[in-house]
Protein backbone atom coordinates (compact mmCIF):
# COMPACT_ATOMS: atom_id res chain seq x y z
CA MET A 1 32.16 18.72 6.97
CA TYR A 2 30.90 16.38 9.70
CA PHE A 3 28.94 17.96 12.57
CA LYS A 4 28.51 14.64 14.47
CA HIS A 5 24.81 15.34 14.92
CA ASN A 6 22.44 12.39 14.86
CA ARG A 7 19.43 13.48 12.79
CA PHE A 8 17.74 10.07 12.82
CA ARG A 9 14.66 9.99 15.02
CA GLU A 10 13.52 6.41 14.65
CA LYS A 11 15.18 3.05 15.09
CA LYS A 12 14.62 1.10 11.92
CA LYS A 13 16.75 -1.75 10.64
CA VAL A 14 18.43 -1.29 7.27
CA SER A 15 16.66 -4.45 6.09
CA GLU A 16 13.30 -2.77 6.80
CA ARG A 17 14.32 0.27 4.75
CA TYR A 18 15.34 -1.97 1.85
CA LEU A 19 11.98 -3.75 1.93
CA GLU A 20 10.11 -0.45 2.05
CA ALA A 21 11.85 0.55 -1.20
CA LEU A 22 10.42 -2.58 -2.83
CA ARG A 23 6.89 -2.08 -1.54
CA GLY A 24 4.40 -2.11 -4.41
CA ILE A 25 6.81 -3.71 -6.86
CA THR A 26 5.79 -7.24 -5.89
CA SER A 27 2.52 -8.65 -4.65
CA THR A 28 4.35 -11.13 -2.42
CA ALA A 29 4.70 -10.05 1.20
CA LEU A 30 8.37 -9.45 1.95
CA ARG A 31 9.88 -10.29 5.32
CA TYR A 32 13.35 -9.91 6.67
CA GLY A 33 15.22 -12.44 8.76
CA VAL A 34 18.55 -14.13 9.17
CA SER A 35 19.29 -17.84 8.99
CA LEU A 36 22.38 -19.95 8.58
CA ARG A 37 22.84 -23.68 8.33
CA ARG A 38 24.17 -24.88 11.66
CA GLU A 39 27.05 -27.36 11.68
CA LYS A 40 28.13 -30.05 14.10
CA LEU A 41 30.38 -28.87 16.92
CA PRO A 42 33.70 -30.46 17.88
CA PRO A 43 33.14 -32.77 20.91
CA GLU A 44 34.93 -30.43 23.33
CA TYR A 45 32.56 -27.59 22.56
CA SER A 46 29.49 -29.80 22.38
CA ARG A 47 30.14 -31.04 25.92
CA PHE A 48 30.94 -27.59 27.26
CA CYS A 49 28.01 -25.46 26.10
CA GLY A 50 24.65 -25.55 27.84
CA GLN A 51 21.98 -23.59 29.67
CA GLN A 52 24.47 -21.97 32.04
CA THR A 53 27.00 -21.05 29.37
CA ALA A 54 27.56 -17.56 28.00
CA VAL A 55 29.17 -17.02 24.59
CA ILE A 56 31.16 -13.76 24.60
CA ALA A 57 32.70 -12.16 21.51
CA PRO A 58 35.12 -9.44 22.73
CA GLY A 59 36.58 -8.37 19.38
CA ALA A 60 35.71 -5.87 16.65
CA ARG A 61 37.64 -4.43 13.74
CA TRP A 62 37.48 -0.82 14.91
CA GLN A 63 38.82 0.31 18.29
CA THR A 64 35.83 2.57 18.96
CA LYS A 65 33.58 -0.49 18.71
CA ARG A 66 35.61 -2.56 21.20
CA TRP A 67 34.44 -2.54 24.80
CA PRO A 68 37.57 -2.39 27.02
CA GLU A 69 39.29 -5.71 27.67
CA GLU A 70 39.36 -4.92 31.39
CA TYR A 71 35.58 -4.55 31.34
CA PHE A 72 35.20 -7.96 29.71
CA ALA A 73 37.40 -9.44 32.44
CA SER A 74 35.25 -7.78 35.11
CA LEU A 75 32.04 -9.04 33.47
CA ALA A 76 33.41 -12.59 33.24
CA SER A 77 34.48 -12.47 36.88
CA LYS A 78 30.94 -11.52 37.90
CA ILE A 79 29.43 -14.32 35.80
CA LEU A 80 31.79 -17.02 37.06
CA GLY A 81 31.85 -15.78 40.64
CA ARG A 82 28.06 -15.93 41.12
CA SER A 83 27.79 -19.69 40.53
CA ASN A 84 30.12 -22.66 40.26
CA ASP A 85 28.02 -24.01 37.38
CA THR A 86 28.31 -21.07 34.98
CA LYS A 87 30.77 -21.23 32.07
CA ILE A 88 32.04 -18.91 29.34
CA ILE A 89 33.12 -19.56 25.77
CA TRP A 90 35.18 -16.70 24.31
CA LEU A 91 34.53 -16.51 20.58
CA GLY A 92 36.37 -14.71 17.78
CA GLY A 93 38.80 -14.87 14.91
CA ARG A 94 42.54 -15.49 14.98
CA ASP A 95 43.18 -11.76 15.21
CA GLU A 96 41.48 -11.82 18.64
CA GLU A 97 44.28 -13.96 20.13
CA PRO A 98 45.91 -10.96 21.92
CA ILE A 99 42.60 -10.21 23.64
CA PHE A 100 42.19 -13.86 24.57
CA ASP A 101 45.72 -13.97 26.00
CA PHE A 102 44.91 -10.95 28.14
CA LEU A 103 41.79 -12.69 29.46
CA ARG A 104 43.55 -16.03 30.04
CA GLN A 105 46.16 -14.34 32.22
CA HIS A 106 43.94 -11.84 34.01
CA PRO A 107 44.10 -12.22 37.81
CA TYR A 108 40.30 -12.01 38.05
CA LEU A 109 39.97 -15.10 35.87
CA THR A 110 42.91 -17.44 36.40
CA ARG A 111 41.15 -19.36 39.17
CA HIS A 112 38.17 -19.93 36.82
CA ARG A 113 40.31 -21.29 33.97
CA GLN A 114 38.55 -24.69 33.89
CA ARG A 115 35.21 -23.00 33.23
CA MET A 116 36.34 -21.09 30.17
CA LEU A 117 37.03 -22.11 26.57
CA PHE A 118 38.80 -19.88 24.05
CA ALA A 119 37.76 -20.29 20.41
CA ALA A 120 39.87 -17.96 18.25
CA GLY A 121 39.51 -18.89 14.61
CA VAL A 122 38.79 -22.57 15.26
CA LEU A 123 35.06 -22.74 14.42
CA SER A 124 33.24 -22.26 11.11
CA PRO A 125 30.37 -19.73 10.86
CA GLY A 126 27.84 -22.56 11.03
CA GLN A 127 29.51 -23.96 14.14
CA MET A 128 29.50 -20.53 15.79
CA VAL A 129 25.74 -20.29 15.29
CA GLU A 130 25.28 -23.82 16.63
CA LEU A 131 27.39 -22.92 19.65
CA ALA A 132 25.25 -19.86 20.38
CA ALA A 133 22.03 -21.83 19.85
CA ARG A 134 23.06 -24.37 22.46
CA SER A 135 24.09 -21.77 25.05
CA ALA A 136 22.05 -19.52 27.31
CA VAL A 137 23.07 -16.06 26.10
CA SER A 138 25.53 -14.33 23.77
CA VAL A 139 27.32 -11.01 24.33
CA SER A 140 29.09 -9.18 21.51
CA ASN A 141 30.49 -5.86 20.44
CA ASP A 142 28.93 -4.22 17.37
CA SER A 143 30.77 -6.39 14.85
CA GLY A 144 30.32 -8.82 12.01
CA LEU A 145 30.27 -11.65 14.54
CA MET A 146 27.37 -9.93 16.31
CA HIS A 147 25.29 -10.24 13.13
CA LEU A 148 26.35 -13.86 12.72
CA LEU A 149 25.28 -14.70 16.29
CA SER A 150 21.90 -13.11 15.65
CA ALA A 151 21.13 -16.09 13.39
CA ALA A 152 20.76 -18.20 16.55
CA PRO A 153 17.51 -18.12 18.60
CA THR A 154 19.52 -17.51 21.77
CA PRO A 155 19.18 -14.06 23.41
CA LEU A 156 21.92 -11.72 22.22
CA ILE A 157 23.19 -8.66 24.08
CA ALA A 158 24.91 -6.23 21.69
CA LEU A 159 27.23 -3.52 23.01
CA PHE A 160 27.02 -0.32 20.97
CA LEU A 161 29.71 2.24 21.79
CA SER A 162 30.51 4.89 19.18
CA THR A 163 27.69 3.84 16.84
CA VAL A 164 23.93 4.07 17.34
CA GLU A 165 20.92 1.92 16.51
CA GLU A 166 19.39 4.68 14.41
CA PHE A 167 21.91 3.93 11.66
CA GLY A 168 19.98 0.69 11.19
CA PHE A 169 22.84 -1.77 11.59
CA TYR A 170 21.66 -3.47 14.74
CA PRO A 171 21.04 -7.19 15.11
CA LEU A 172 17.95 -9.02 13.99
CA GLY A 173 16.15 -11.59 16.09
CA ASN A 174 16.13 -11.98 19.86
CA ALA A 175 18.56 -9.15 20.63
CA GLN A 176 18.96 -6.31 23.10
CA VAL A 177 21.24 -3.34 22.47
CA LEU A 178 23.07 -1.75 25.41
CA SER A 179 24.82 1.60 25.23
CA ALA A 180 25.86 4.55 27.33
CA ARG A 181 23.37 7.38 26.86
CA ASN A 182 23.74 11.16 26.84
CA ILE A 183 27.24 11.21 25.34
CA PRO A 184 27.30 14.47 23.33
CA CYS A 185 29.85 13.29 20.75
CA ARG A 186 28.11 9.97 20.07
CA PRO A 187 27.94 8.84 17.28
CA CYS A 188 31.33 9.97 16.04
CA ASN A 189 31.24 7.82 12.90
CA HIS A 190 28.86 5.45 11.15
CA LYS A 191 31.25 2.49 11.06
CA GLY A 192 33.89 2.94 13.76
CA LEU A 193 37.32 4.57 14.05
CA PRO A 194 40.89 3.52 14.98
CA GLN A 195 40.65 5.59 18.18
CA CYS A 196 38.33 7.92 20.05
CA PRO A 197 38.59 11.40 18.43
CA ARG A 198 38.13 13.06 21.85
CA HIS A 199 40.53 10.66 23.62
CA HIS A 200 38.12 9.99 26.50
CA PHE A 201 36.16 7.03 25.05
CA ARG A 202 33.20 7.83 27.29
CA CYS A 203 30.82 5.79 25.14
CA ALA A 204 32.73 2.68 26.28
CA ARG A 205 33.79 3.73 29.78
CA GLU A 206 30.26 4.69 30.82
CA LEU A 207 28.77 1.37 29.72
CA THR A 208 29.86 -0.48 32.84
CA PRO A 209 30.31 -4.21 33.53
CA GLU A 210 27.58 -3.89 36.16
CA MET A 211 25.12 -2.68 33.52
CA VAL A 212 25.91 -5.55 31.16
CA PHE A 213 25.80 -8.16 33.93
CA ALA A 214 22.39 -6.90 35.06
CA ALA A 215 21.08 -7.43 31.51
CA LEU A 216 22.36 -11.00 31.10
CA ALA A 217 22.10 -12.43 34.63
CA GLU A 218 18.55 -13.75 34.26
CA TYR A 219 19.48 -15.82 31.21
CA LEU A 220 22.07 -17.70 33.29
CA GLY A 221 19.82 -18.07 36.31
CA LEU A 222 21.95 -15.63 38.30
CA LYS A 223 20.80 -12.90 40.64
CA ALA A 224 21.80 -9.42 39.56
CA PRO A 225 22.73 -6.93 42.28
CA THR A 226 19.98 -4.48 43.22
């Protein structure tokens, strides 16, 4: 039986717990980290990314880990509407194409089409890390791509909805986790579910675009609303 009660009291990465289990076995100091060989970008992406570019990964395997598409559209509209120099690269796999189509056609974003690139399944892992490293900030759901992007030195903003940091699966490196607090049924599962068991999805709905924009604005040289 699952009581959905979070008994963890400290935020400790799984990698730290693994290293603690090995303490005393070896005299060599053990450290955790993530690195990946970066690969050359296609010219289109190399020209596009820069210090006023945000890389946004809107997908995730499980629905309860996916921030609403409408919220991503609202966030992008805030980013692109604050400055004519800001740009966005949407990043994901081929299965994210329906999300990308929604964003391409969204009325908030159609007038900004020239300042967006959509990369669904066209870049290798090494190219994705290179893309993030050459941009100002990355934003991602709690997903495999989130962990991949954490291999870049670029600041990463991770959106945690139904899962919590206390499970240990939060990103390494220069990362900040955002989540809606004080949701009684959160976490509902340690890995994600096909749909919200309570059918309200408050853990996503109460993490607003305004909250995420306030966290990333400084990295793009934008002024967040007070």
